[in-house]
Amino acid sequence: MAENKTINDLMGITMDKVKGMVDANSIIGTPITTPDGTTIIPVSKVSYGFASGGSDLPKAQPRDAFAGGGGAGITMEPVAFLVVKDGSVRVMQINAHPNTVDKLVDSAPDVIDKIGGMIADGKAKKENKEPSAK
């Protein structure tokens, strides 16, 4: 089967249009800085698909006998915001019911801070106790 330049051109144009619609700024948005110094960065999920097809139709002159088409679809869904304030970063999810892994990742910094605080409190109490004399 001979390669059809027309279908390759059609697919190339479709892909160029998809690339033009989706870039890195579509996924990680432009940072927004609030008056109090907080930086908010939107994060989105982007899904896209495309299809192209064509066929040579029976005619006396094959160059005029091509029929084809192409199409693409894109879905952009905001999923979270990165909030940067006072040197710390928090992920604020938009989904009201995140899955278990998302909950663990989101709560990990708080758990580590609490454990670190408990260890520091335990060491401070141990150092402040005086040994009993017998």
N, C-alpha and C. Protein backbone atom coordinates (compact mmCIF):
# COMPACT_ATOMS: atom_id res chain seq x y z
N MET A 1 0.85 -1.18 0.00
CA MET A 1 0.00 0.00 0.00
C MET A 1 0.89 1.24 0.00
N ALA A 2 0.69 2.12 -0.93
CA ALA A 2 1.50 3.33 -1.07
C ALA A 2 1.13 4.34 0.02
N GLU A 3 2.13 5.11 0.45
CA GLU A 3 1.89 6.13 1.47
C GLU A 3 1.11 7.28 0.84
N ASN A 4 0.10 7.74 1.56
CA ASN A 4 -0.75 8.82 1.04
C ASN A 4 -0.32 10.13 1.68
N LYS A 5 0.26 11.00 0.87
CA LYS A 5 0.75 12.29 1.38
C LYS A 5 -0.40 13.13 1.91
N THR A 6 -1.57 13.04 1.31
CA THR A 6 -2.70 13.85 1.73
C THR A 6 -3.14 13.50 3.15
N ILE A 7 -3.21 12.23 3.51
CA ILE A 7 -3.62 11.83 4.86
C ILE A 7 -2.55 12.24 5.87
N ASN A 8 -1.27 12.16 5.48
CA ASN A 8 -0.19 12.61 6.37
C ASN A 8 -0.30 14.11 6.63
N ASP A 9 -0.60 14.87 5.61
CA ASP A 9 -0.79 16.31 5.77
C ASP A 9 -1.97 16.61 6.69
N LEU A 10 -3.05 15.87 6.50
CA LEU A 10 -4.25 16.06 7.31
C LEU A 10 -3.96 15.77 8.78
N MET A 11 -3.25 14.68 9.06
CA MET A 11 -2.91 14.33 10.44
C MET A 11 -1.93 15.35 11.03
N GLY A 12 -0.99 15.82 10.24
CA GLY A 12 -0.03 16.81 10.70
C GLY A 12 -0.70 18.11 11.10
N ILE A 13 -1.64 18.56 10.31
CA ILE A 13 -2.38 19.79 10.62
C ILE A 13 -3.19 19.61 11.90
N THR A 14 -3.83 18.45 12.05
CA THR A 14 -4.62 18.18 13.26
C THR A 14 -3.74 18.23 14.50
N MET A 15 -2.56 17.58 14.44
CA MET A 15 -1.64 17.58 15.59
C MET A 15 -1.12 18.98 15.89
N ASP A 16 -0.82 19.75 14.87
CA ASP A 16 -0.36 21.13 15.09
C ASP A 16 -1.42 21.95 15.81
N LYS A 17 -2.67 21.76 15.46
CA LYS A 17 -3.76 22.50 16.12
C LYS A 17 -3.89 22.07 17.58
N VAL A 18 -3.76 20.77 17.86
CA VAL A 18 -3.83 20.27 19.24
C VAL A 18 -2.67 20.85 20.05
N LYS A 19 -1.47 20.85 19.50
CA LYS A 19 -0.30 21.41 20.20
C LYS A 19 -0.50 22.89 20.50
N GLY A 20 -1.15 23.59 19.58
CA GLY A 20 -1.39 25.01 19.79
C GLY A 20 -2.39 25.29 20.91
N MET A 21 -3.28 24.34 21.17
CA MET A 21 -4.29 24.54 22.21
C MET A 21 -3.79 24.14 23.60
N VAL A 22 -2.86 23.20 23.67
CA VAL A 22 -2.39 22.68 24.96
C VAL A 22 -0.90 22.96 25.10
N ASP A 23 -0.52 23.65 26.17
CA ASP A 23 0.89 23.84 26.49
C ASP A 23 1.08 23.68 27.99
N ALA A 24 2.29 23.87 28.47
CA ALA A 24 2.57 23.67 29.89
C ALA A 24 1.74 24.60 30.77
N ASN A 25 1.42 25.80 30.28
CA ASN A 25 0.61 26.74 31.07
C ASN A 25 -0.83 26.27 31.21
N SER A 26 -1.24 25.29 30.41
CA SER A 26 -2.58 24.73 30.56
C SER A 26 -2.66 23.82 31.78
N ILE A 27 -1.55 23.20 32.14
CA ILE A 27 -1.52 22.26 33.25
C ILE A 27 -1.14 22.97 34.55
N ILE A 28 0.00 23.61 34.56
CA ILE A 28 0.43 24.42 35.70
C ILE A 28 0.19 25.87 35.27
N GLY A 29 -0.80 26.50 35.85
CA GLY A 29 -1.21 27.84 35.43
C GLY A 29 -0.25 28.94 35.87
N THR A 30 -0.57 30.13 35.46
CA THR A 30 0.21 31.31 35.81
C THR A 30 0.02 31.63 37.29
N PRO A 31 1.11 31.79 38.04
CA PRO A 31 1.00 32.11 39.47
C PRO A 31 0.29 33.45 39.71
N ILE A 32 -0.52 33.48 40.76
CA ILE A 32 -1.24 34.68 41.15
C ILE A 32 -0.75 35.05 42.54
N THR A 33 -0.30 36.30 42.72
CA THR A 33 0.18 36.74 44.03
C THR A 33 -0.86 37.68 44.65
N THR A 34 -1.27 37.36 45.88
CA THR A 34 -2.26 38.16 46.59
C THR A 34 -1.56 39.30 47.32
N PRO A 35 -2.29 40.32 47.77
CA PRO A 35 -1.67 41.44 48.49
C PRO A 35 -0.90 41.05 49.75
N ASP A 36 -1.29 39.94 50.41
CA ASP A 36 -0.58 39.53 51.63
C ASP A 36 0.66 38.69 51.34
N GLY A 37 1.02 38.53 50.07
CA GLY A 37 2.24 37.80 49.70
C GLY A 37 2.03 36.33 49.40
N THR A 38 0.82 35.83 49.50
CA THR A 38 0.53 34.43 49.19
C THR A 38 0.53 34.25 47.67
N THR A 39 1.17 33.19 47.22
CA THR A 39 1.17 32.87 45.78
C THR A 39 0.29 31.65 45.57
N ILE A 40 -0.62 31.77 44.62
CA ILE A 40 -1.55 30.68 44.29
C ILE A 40 -1.28 30.25 42.86
N ILE A 41 -1.03 28.93 42.69
CA ILE A 41 -0.74 28.39 41.37
C ILE A 41 -1.80 27.35 41.03
N PRO A 42 -2.62 27.60 40.00
CA PRO A 42 -3.64 26.62 39.61
C PRO A 42 -3.02 25.40 38.90
N VAL A 43 -3.59 24.23 39.18
CA VAL A 43 -3.15 22.99 38.55
C VAL A 43 -4.37 22.34 37.91
N SER A 44 -4.25 21.96 36.64
CA SER A 44 -5.37 21.37 35.91
C SER A 44 -4.98 20.03 35.31
N LYS A 45 -5.99 19.22 35.06
CA LYS A 45 -5.81 17.95 34.36
C LYS A 45 -6.26 18.19 32.92
N VAL A 46 -5.42 17.82 31.97
CA VAL A 46 -5.74 18.02 30.56
C VAL A 46 -5.81 16.66 29.88
N SER A 47 -6.90 16.41 29.20
CA SER A 47 -7.07 15.18 28.42
C SER A 47 -7.38 15.59 26.99
N TYR A 48 -6.78 14.91 26.06
CA TYR A 48 -7.08 15.23 24.67
C TYR A 48 -6.99 13.99 23.81
N GLY A 49 -7.65 14.05 22.69
CA GLY A 49 -7.61 12.96 21.72
C GLY A 49 -7.85 13.53 20.33
N PHE A 50 -7.41 12.81 19.35
CA PHE A 50 -7.65 13.26 17.98
C PHE A 50 -7.78 12.05 17.08
N ALA A 51 -8.39 12.28 15.95
CA ALA A 51 -8.56 11.23 14.95
C ALA A 51 -8.54 11.86 13.57
N SER A 52 -7.98 11.15 12.65
CA SER A 52 -7.96 11.57 11.25
C SER A 52 -8.18 10.34 10.39
N GLY A 53 -8.74 10.55 9.26
CA GLY A 53 -8.96 9.43 8.36
C GLY A 53 -9.25 9.92 6.97
N GLY A 54 -9.11 9.05 6.02
CA GLY A 54 -9.39 9.42 4.64
C GLY A 54 -9.34 8.22 3.74
N SER A 55 -9.74 8.46 2.50
CA SER A 55 -9.78 7.38 1.54
C SER A 55 -9.66 7.94 0.13
N ASP A 56 -9.04 7.16 -0.73
CA ASP A 56 -9.03 7.50 -2.15
C ASP A 56 -10.32 6.97 -2.76
N LEU A 57 -11.00 7.82 -3.47
CA LEU A 57 -12.25 7.43 -4.12
C LEU A 57 -11.96 7.02 -5.56
N PRO A 58 -12.74 6.10 -6.08
CA PRO A 58 -12.50 5.68 -7.47
C PRO A 58 -12.86 6.78 -8.46
N LYS A 59 -11.86 7.29 -9.17
CA LYS A 59 -12.05 8.32 -10.19
C LYS A 59 -11.00 8.14 -11.26
N ALA A 60 -11.15 8.81 -12.33
CA ALA A 60 -10.20 8.71 -13.42
C ALA A 60 -8.87 9.37 -13.05
N GLN A 61 -8.92 10.45 -12.29
CA GLN A 61 -7.70 11.15 -11.87
C GLN A 61 -7.57 11.03 -10.34
N PRO A 62 -6.69 10.14 -9.84
CA PRO A 62 -6.58 9.87 -8.40
C PRO A 62 -6.24 11.09 -7.54
N ARG A 63 -5.52 12.05 -8.06
CA ARG A 63 -5.15 13.20 -7.23
C ARG A 63 -6.36 14.01 -6.80
N ASP A 64 -7.45 13.94 -7.51
CA ASP A 64 -8.67 14.68 -7.17
C ASP A 64 -9.67 13.81 -6.43
N ALA A 65 -9.28 12.60 -6.08
CA ALA A 65 -10.25 11.65 -5.55
C ALA A 65 -10.04 11.34 -4.07
N PHE A 66 -9.47 12.24 -3.30
CA PHE A 66 -9.26 11.99 -1.88
C PHE A 66 -10.35 12.66 -1.07
N ALA A 67 -10.86 11.93 -0.09
CA ALA A 67 -11.82 12.49 0.87
C ALA A 67 -11.30 12.16 2.27
N GLY A 68 -11.29 13.13 3.15
CA GLY A 68 -10.78 12.87 4.50
C GLY A 68 -11.24 13.92 5.48
N GLY A 69 -10.97 13.65 6.72
CA GLY A 69 -11.35 14.59 7.76
C GLY A 69 -10.56 14.31 9.03
N GLY A 70 -10.59 15.25 9.90
CA GLY A 70 -9.89 15.10 11.17
C GLY A 70 -10.60 15.90 12.24
N GLY A 71 -10.36 15.53 13.46
CA GLY A 71 -10.98 16.24 14.57
C GLY A 71 -10.21 16.00 15.85
N ALA A 72 -10.44 16.88 16.80
CA ALA A 72 -9.77 16.76 18.09
C ALA A 72 -10.70 17.24 19.19
N GLY A 73 -10.49 16.72 20.36
CA GLY A 73 -11.25 17.15 21.53
C GLY A 73 -10.32 17.32 22.72
N ILE A 74 -10.56 18.36 23.50
CA ILE A 74 -9.72 18.64 24.66
C ILE A 74 -10.62 18.91 25.86
N THR A 75 -10.26 18.34 27.00
CA THR A 75 -10.96 18.61 28.25
C THR A 75 -9.93 19.13 29.24
N MET A 76 -10.22 20.27 29.83
CA MET A 76 -9.35 20.84 30.86
C MET A 76 -10.17 20.95 32.15
N GLU A 77 -9.68 20.30 33.20
CA GLU A 77 -10.41 20.27 34.47
C GLU A 77 -9.49 20.75 35.59
N PRO A 78 -9.86 21.83 36.28
CA PRO A 78 -9.05 22.26 37.42
C PRO A 78 -9.12 21.21 38.53
N VAL A 79 -7.96 20.84 39.09
CA VAL A 79 -7.94 19.80 40.12
C VAL A 79 -7.40 20.28 41.46
N ALA A 80 -6.55 21.31 41.45
CA ALA A 80 -5.95 21.74 42.72
C ALA A 80 -5.32 23.12 42.57
N PHE A 81 -4.92 23.65 43.71
CA PHE A 81 -4.14 24.89 43.75
C PHE A 81 -2.95 24.64 44.65
N LEU A 82 -1.77 25.11 44.23
CA LEU A 82 -0.60 25.12 45.10
C LEU A 82 -0.59 26.48 45.78
N VAL A 83 -0.56 26.49 47.10
CA VAL A 83 -0.58 27.75 47.86
C VAL A 83 0.77 27.88 48.56
N VAL A 84 1.52 28.93 48.18
CA VAL A 84 2.84 29.17 48.75
C VAL A 84 2.74 30.40 49.65
N LYS A 85 3.03 30.18 50.95
CA LYS A 85 2.97 31.29 51.90
C LYS A 85 4.01 31.07 52.98
N ASP A 86 4.78 32.10 53.25
CA ASP A 86 5.81 32.07 54.29
C ASP A 86 6.75 30.87 54.17
N GLY A 87 7.13 30.52 52.96
CA GLY A 87 8.07 29.44 52.74
C GLY A 87 7.49 28.04 52.79
N SER A 88 6.20 27.91 53.01
CA SER A 88 5.60 26.57 53.01
C SER A 88 4.64 26.44 51.83
N VAL A 89 4.50 25.22 51.36
CA VAL A 89 3.64 24.95 50.20
C VAL A 89 2.55 23.98 50.63
N ARG A 90 1.32 24.30 50.28
CA ARG A 90 0.18 23.42 50.57
C ARG A 90 -0.55 23.13 49.28
N VAL A 91 -1.09 21.94 49.18
CA VAL A 91 -1.90 21.55 48.03
C VAL A 91 -3.35 21.61 48.47
N MET A 92 -4.13 22.43 47.81
CA MET A 92 -5.56 22.52 48.11
C MET A 92 -6.32 21.91 46.93
N GLN A 93 -6.87 20.72 47.16
CA GLN A 93 -7.58 20.03 46.10
C GLN A 93 -8.99 20.58 45.94
N ILE A 94 -9.44 20.58 44.71
CA ILE A 94 -10.79 21.05 44.42
C ILE A 94 -11.79 19.92 44.65
N ASN A 95 -11.39 18.69 44.36
CA ASN A 95 -12.25 17.53 44.52
C ASN A 95 -12.61 17.36 46.00
N ALA A 96 -13.89 17.31 46.29
CA ALA A 96 -14.34 17.19 47.68
C ALA A 96 -14.07 15.80 48.26
N HIS A 97 -13.91 14.80 47.40
CA HIS A 97 -13.71 13.42 47.86
C HIS A 97 -12.46 12.83 47.23
N PRO A 98 -11.27 13.27 47.67
CA PRO A 98 -10.05 12.72 47.08
C PRO A 98 -9.89 11.25 47.49
N ASN A 99 -9.14 10.52 46.71
CA ASN A 99 -8.92 9.11 47.05
C ASN A 99 -7.93 8.99 48.20
N THR A 100 -7.72 7.80 48.68
CA THR A 100 -6.90 7.55 49.87
C THR A 100 -5.47 8.03 49.69
N VAL A 101 -4.89 7.78 48.53
CA VAL A 101 -3.51 8.20 48.29
C VAL A 101 -3.41 9.71 48.35
N ASP A 102 -4.36 10.41 47.74
CA ASP A 102 -4.36 11.87 47.79
C ASP A 102 -4.46 12.37 49.23
N LYS A 103 -5.28 11.73 50.04
CA LYS A 103 -5.42 12.13 51.44
C LYS A 103 -4.10 11.95 52.18
N LEU A 104 -3.41 10.82 51.94
CA LEU A 104 -2.14 10.55 52.61
C LEU A 104 -1.08 11.58 52.21
N VAL A 105 -0.98 11.86 50.93
CA VAL A 105 0.01 12.83 50.45
C VAL A 105 -0.29 14.20 51.02
N ASP A 106 -1.57 14.58 51.05
CA ASP A 106 -1.95 15.89 51.54
C ASP A 106 -1.69 16.04 53.05
N SER A 107 -1.89 14.96 53.81
CA SER A 107 -1.74 15.06 55.27
C SER A 107 -0.32 14.77 55.74
N ALA A 108 0.57 14.28 54.88
CA ALA A 108 1.93 13.90 55.29
C ALA A 108 2.69 15.05 55.96
N PRO A 109 2.70 16.27 55.42
CA PRO A 109 3.46 17.33 56.09
C PRO A 109 2.96 17.62 57.50
N ASP A 110 1.64 17.60 57.71
CA ASP A 110 1.09 17.85 59.05
C ASP A 110 1.49 16.74 60.02
N VAL A 111 1.43 15.49 59.55
CA VAL A 111 1.79 14.36 60.41
C VAL A 111 3.26 14.45 60.80
N ILE A 112 4.12 14.76 59.84
CA ILE A 112 5.55 14.87 60.13
C ILE A 112 5.81 16.00 61.13
N ASP A 113 5.13 17.13 60.95
CA ASP A 113 5.29 18.24 61.90
C ASP A 113 4.85 17.84 63.30
N LYS A 114 3.73 17.12 63.42
CA LYS A 114 3.24 16.70 64.74
C LYS A 114 4.19 15.71 65.40
N ILE A 115 4.69 14.76 64.62
CA ILE A 115 5.63 13.78 65.18
C ILE A 115 6.91 14.49 65.62
N GLY A 116 7.40 15.40 64.80
CA GLY A 116 8.60 16.17 65.17
C GLY A 116 8.38 16.96 66.44
N GLY A 117 7.19 17.55 66.59
CA GLY A 117 6.86 18.30 67.79
C GLY A 117 6.80 17.41 69.02
N MET A 118 6.23 16.22 68.87
CA MET A 118 6.14 15.28 69.98
C MET A 118 7.54 14.83 70.43
N ILE A 119 8.42 14.58 69.47
CA ILE A 119 9.78 14.15 69.80
C ILE A 119 10.52 15.27 70.52
N ALA A 120 10.35 16.49 70.01
CA ALA A 120 11.03 17.63 70.65
C ALA A 120 10.49 17.85 72.06
N ASP A 121 9.17 17.72 72.26
CA ASP A 121 8.59 17.86 73.60
C ASP A 121 9.12 16.79 74.54
N GLY A 122 9.23 15.55 74.05
CA GLY A 122 9.74 14.45 74.87
C GLY A 122 11.17 14.67 75.30
N LYS A 123 12.00 15.17 74.37
CA LYS A 123 13.39 15.45 74.70
C LYS A 123 13.49 16.59 75.71
N ALA A 124 12.67 17.61 75.56
CA ALA A 124 12.70 18.75 76.48
C ALA A 124 12.30 18.30 77.88
N LYS A 125 11.27 17.46 77.99
CA LYS A 125 10.83 16.98 79.30
C LYS A 125 11.91 16.12 79.95
N LYS A 126 12.58 15.29 79.12
CA LYS A 126 13.61 14.41 79.65
C LYS A 126 14.80 15.22 80.16
N GLU A 127 15.16 16.28 79.45
CA GLU A 127 16.28 17.12 79.87
C GLU A 127 15.96 17.92 81.12
N ASN A 128 14.67 18.33 81.28
CA ASN A 128 14.27 19.13 82.43
C ASN A 128 14.14 18.32 83.71
N LYS A 129 13.99 17.02 83.62
CA LYS A 129 13.88 16.18 84.82
C LYS A 129 15.25 16.03 85.45
N GLU A 130 15.28 16.18 86.74
CA GLU A 130 16.54 15.99 87.47
C GLU A 130 16.59 14.56 87.97
N PRO A 131 17.76 13.99 87.98
CA PRO A 131 17.83 12.61 88.48
C PRO A 131 17.52 12.57 89.97
N SER A 132 16.81 11.54 90.37
CA SER A 132 16.44 11.42 91.79
C SER A 132 17.64 10.92 92.59
N ALA A 133 17.83 11.49 93.79
CA ALA A 133 18.96 11.11 94.65
C ALA A 133 18.49 10.11 95.66
N LYS A 134 19.19 9.00 95.81
CA LYS A 134 18.85 7.99 96.80
C LYS A 134 20.02 7.65 97.63
